[in-house]
N, C-alpha and C. Protein backbone atom coordinates (compact mmCIF):
# COMPACT_ATOMS: atom_id res chain seq x y z
N MET A 1 40.25 -12.86 -35.63
CA MET A 1 41.52 -12.15 -35.79
C MET A 1 42.34 -12.33 -34.52
N GLU A 2 43.61 -12.59 -34.69
CA GLU A 2 44.48 -12.81 -33.54
C GLU A 2 44.84 -11.48 -32.89
N ARG A 3 44.90 -11.48 -31.59
CA ARG A 3 45.23 -10.27 -30.84
C ARG A 3 46.75 -10.14 -30.77
N ARG A 4 47.26 -8.94 -31.05
CA ARG A 4 48.69 -8.69 -31.04
C ARG A 4 49.03 -7.70 -29.94
N THR A 5 50.21 -7.87 -29.36
CA THR A 5 50.73 -6.96 -28.34
C THR A 5 51.90 -6.19 -28.93
N VAL A 6 51.87 -4.87 -28.82
CA VAL A 6 52.98 -4.04 -29.28
C VAL A 6 53.97 -3.94 -28.13
N VAL A 7 55.25 -4.25 -28.42
CA VAL A 7 56.29 -4.20 -27.40
C VAL A 7 57.45 -3.32 -27.88
N ARG A 8 58.24 -2.88 -26.91
CA ARG A 8 59.42 -2.06 -27.21
C ARG A 8 60.63 -2.77 -26.64
N CYS A 9 61.65 -2.99 -27.49
CA CYS A 9 62.87 -3.66 -27.01
C CYS A 9 63.76 -2.64 -26.29
N ALA A 10 64.82 -3.13 -25.68
CA ALA A 10 65.73 -2.28 -24.91
C ALA A 10 66.41 -1.23 -25.79
N GLU A 11 66.48 -1.48 -27.10
CA GLU A 11 67.08 -0.52 -28.02
C GLU A 11 66.06 0.52 -28.50
N GLY A 12 64.78 0.34 -28.11
CA GLY A 12 63.75 1.30 -28.49
C GLY A 12 62.94 0.91 -29.71
N HIS A 13 63.23 -0.24 -30.32
CA HIS A 13 62.49 -0.68 -31.49
C HIS A 13 61.10 -1.16 -31.10
N LEU A 14 60.10 -0.80 -31.90
CA LEU A 14 58.73 -1.25 -31.67
C LEU A 14 58.41 -2.39 -32.62
N PHE A 15 57.75 -3.42 -32.11
CA PHE A 15 57.27 -4.52 -32.94
C PHE A 15 56.12 -5.19 -32.22
N SER A 16 55.45 -6.10 -32.90
CA SER A 16 54.30 -6.76 -32.28
C SER A 16 54.53 -8.26 -32.20
N ILE A 17 53.88 -8.86 -31.22
CA ILE A 17 53.95 -10.31 -31.03
C ILE A 17 52.52 -10.81 -30.77
N SER A 18 52.31 -12.09 -31.06
CA SER A 18 50.96 -12.63 -30.89
C SER A 18 50.65 -12.92 -29.43
N ALA A 19 51.65 -13.22 -28.64
CA ALA A 19 51.44 -13.49 -27.21
C ALA A 19 52.66 -12.99 -26.45
N PHE A 20 52.42 -12.40 -25.30
CA PHE A 20 53.54 -11.93 -24.48
C PHE A 20 53.86 -13.05 -23.50
N PRO A 21 55.02 -13.70 -23.62
CA PRO A 21 55.35 -14.87 -22.80
C PRO A 21 55.18 -14.63 -21.31
N MET A 22 54.54 -15.57 -20.66
CA MET A 22 54.36 -15.57 -19.21
C MET A 22 53.63 -14.35 -18.69
N ARG A 23 52.74 -13.77 -19.49
CA ARG A 23 51.98 -12.61 -19.06
C ARG A 23 51.15 -12.92 -17.83
N ASN A 24 50.62 -14.14 -17.75
CA ASN A 24 49.73 -14.49 -16.65
C ASN A 24 50.43 -14.57 -15.29
N LEU A 25 51.74 -14.55 -15.24
CA LEU A 25 52.44 -14.60 -13.96
C LEU A 25 52.45 -13.24 -13.27
N GLY A 26 52.24 -12.18 -14.03
CA GLY A 26 52.11 -10.86 -13.45
C GLY A 26 53.43 -10.16 -13.20
N ALA A 27 53.34 -8.86 -13.17
CA ALA A 27 54.53 -8.03 -12.99
C ALA A 27 55.11 -8.17 -11.59
N GLY A 28 54.28 -8.51 -10.62
CA GLY A 28 54.75 -8.64 -9.24
C GLY A 28 55.74 -9.77 -9.05
N ARG A 29 55.61 -10.82 -9.83
CA ARG A 29 56.49 -11.98 -9.64
C ARG A 29 57.76 -11.88 -10.49
N LEU A 30 57.63 -11.54 -11.74
CA LEU A 30 58.80 -11.56 -12.62
C LEU A 30 59.14 -10.21 -13.22
N GLY A 31 58.33 -9.20 -13.01
CA GLY A 31 58.53 -7.92 -13.63
C GLY A 31 57.94 -7.90 -15.03
N PRO A 32 57.84 -6.75 -15.64
CA PRO A 32 57.18 -6.63 -16.94
C PRO A 32 58.06 -7.03 -18.12
N GLN A 33 59.35 -7.21 -17.94
CA GLN A 33 60.25 -7.47 -19.05
C GLN A 33 60.32 -8.94 -19.41
N ARG A 34 60.51 -9.19 -20.71
CA ARG A 34 60.71 -10.54 -21.22
C ARG A 34 61.85 -10.49 -22.22
N LEU A 35 62.53 -11.59 -22.41
CA LEU A 35 63.62 -11.69 -23.37
C LEU A 35 63.03 -12.19 -24.69
N LEU A 36 63.08 -11.34 -25.72
CA LEU A 36 62.52 -11.65 -27.02
C LEU A 36 63.52 -11.31 -28.11
N ARG A 37 63.39 -11.94 -29.27
CA ARG A 37 64.24 -11.61 -30.41
C ARG A 37 63.60 -10.45 -31.16
N CYS A 38 64.31 -9.34 -31.24
CA CYS A 38 63.82 -8.15 -31.93
C CYS A 38 63.94 -8.37 -33.44
N PRO A 39 62.85 -8.17 -34.20
CA PRO A 39 62.93 -8.37 -35.65
C PRO A 39 63.72 -7.28 -36.37
N GLN A 40 63.94 -6.15 -35.74
CA GLN A 40 64.68 -5.07 -36.39
C GLN A 40 66.19 -5.24 -36.27
N CYS A 41 66.67 -5.61 -35.08
CA CYS A 41 68.12 -5.76 -34.92
C CYS A 41 68.55 -7.23 -34.88
N GLY A 42 67.58 -8.16 -34.76
CA GLY A 42 67.88 -9.58 -34.81
C GLY A 42 68.53 -10.15 -33.57
N ARG A 43 68.56 -9.40 -32.49
CA ARG A 43 69.20 -9.87 -31.26
C ARG A 43 68.17 -10.14 -30.17
N LEU A 44 68.56 -10.97 -29.21
CA LEU A 44 67.71 -11.16 -28.05
C LEU A 44 67.81 -9.91 -27.19
N ARG A 45 66.67 -9.34 -26.91
CA ARG A 45 66.63 -8.09 -26.14
C ARG A 45 65.54 -8.18 -25.09
N SER A 46 65.73 -7.45 -24.02
CA SER A 46 64.68 -7.29 -23.04
C SER A 46 63.59 -6.44 -23.68
N ALA A 47 62.33 -6.85 -23.54
CA ALA A 47 61.22 -6.11 -24.15
C ALA A 47 60.09 -5.97 -23.14
N VAL A 48 59.39 -4.85 -23.24
CA VAL A 48 58.24 -4.58 -22.38
C VAL A 48 57.06 -4.16 -23.26
N PRO A 49 55.84 -4.41 -22.81
CA PRO A 49 54.68 -3.95 -23.58
C PRO A 49 54.71 -2.43 -23.70
N ALA A 50 54.44 -1.92 -24.89
CA ALA A 50 54.39 -0.48 -25.13
C ALA A 50 52.96 0.01 -24.88
N ASP A 51 52.83 1.24 -24.46
CA ASP A 51 51.52 1.85 -24.24
C ASP A 51 51.02 2.41 -25.57
N PRO A 52 50.01 1.79 -26.19
CA PRO A 52 49.54 2.25 -27.51
C PRO A 52 48.97 3.66 -27.48
N SER A 53 48.55 4.14 -26.32
CA SER A 53 47.95 5.48 -26.25
C SER A 53 48.98 6.60 -26.44
N VAL A 54 50.26 6.30 -26.25
CA VAL A 54 51.29 7.33 -26.41
C VAL A 54 52.02 7.20 -27.75
N LEU A 55 51.66 6.20 -28.56
CA LEU A 55 52.29 6.01 -29.87
C LEU A 55 51.50 6.73 -30.94
N SER A 56 52.21 7.24 -31.94
CA SER A 56 51.52 7.85 -33.07
C SER A 56 50.89 6.75 -33.93
N GLU A 57 49.99 7.15 -34.82
CA GLU A 57 49.35 6.17 -35.71
C GLU A 57 50.39 5.47 -36.58
N GLY A 58 51.39 6.22 -37.04
CA GLY A 58 52.45 5.65 -37.87
C GLY A 58 53.29 4.63 -37.12
N GLN A 59 53.65 4.97 -35.88
CA GLN A 59 54.43 4.03 -35.07
C GLN A 59 53.64 2.75 -34.80
N LEU A 60 52.37 2.90 -34.49
CA LEU A 60 51.53 1.75 -34.20
C LEU A 60 51.35 0.87 -35.43
N ALA A 61 51.11 1.48 -36.58
CA ALA A 61 50.94 0.73 -37.82
C ALA A 61 52.22 -0.03 -38.19
N ARG A 62 53.36 0.62 -38.04
CA ARG A 62 54.63 -0.02 -38.37
C ARG A 62 54.92 -1.18 -37.41
N ALA A 63 54.64 -0.97 -36.12
CA ALA A 63 54.88 -2.03 -35.13
C ALA A 63 54.00 -3.24 -35.40
N LEU A 64 52.77 -3.02 -35.83
CA LEU A 64 51.87 -4.13 -36.10
C LEU A 64 52.28 -4.90 -37.37
N ARG A 65 53.02 -4.25 -38.27
CA ARG A 65 53.51 -4.95 -39.47
C ARG A 65 54.73 -5.79 -39.15
N LEU A 66 55.54 -5.37 -38.17
CA LEU A 66 56.76 -6.13 -37.79
C LEU A 66 56.37 -7.24 -36.85
N VAL A 67 56.67 -8.44 -37.24
CA VAL A 67 56.31 -9.62 -36.43
C VAL A 67 57.58 -10.32 -36.00
């Protein structure tokens, strides 16, 4: 099974992606944000990994369905 990362765009939308671009470079070099296309609003937005421990089960399930 492929591992998915739940992210939050600058507008607050939650969605999941299969890989977080340039994750291996670390937050110290480029910061935690990446420019991704949000599937909810369809625009390129700054996105950061969301903390799954603070999301409700419903939010997490919905984010994992949105690709």
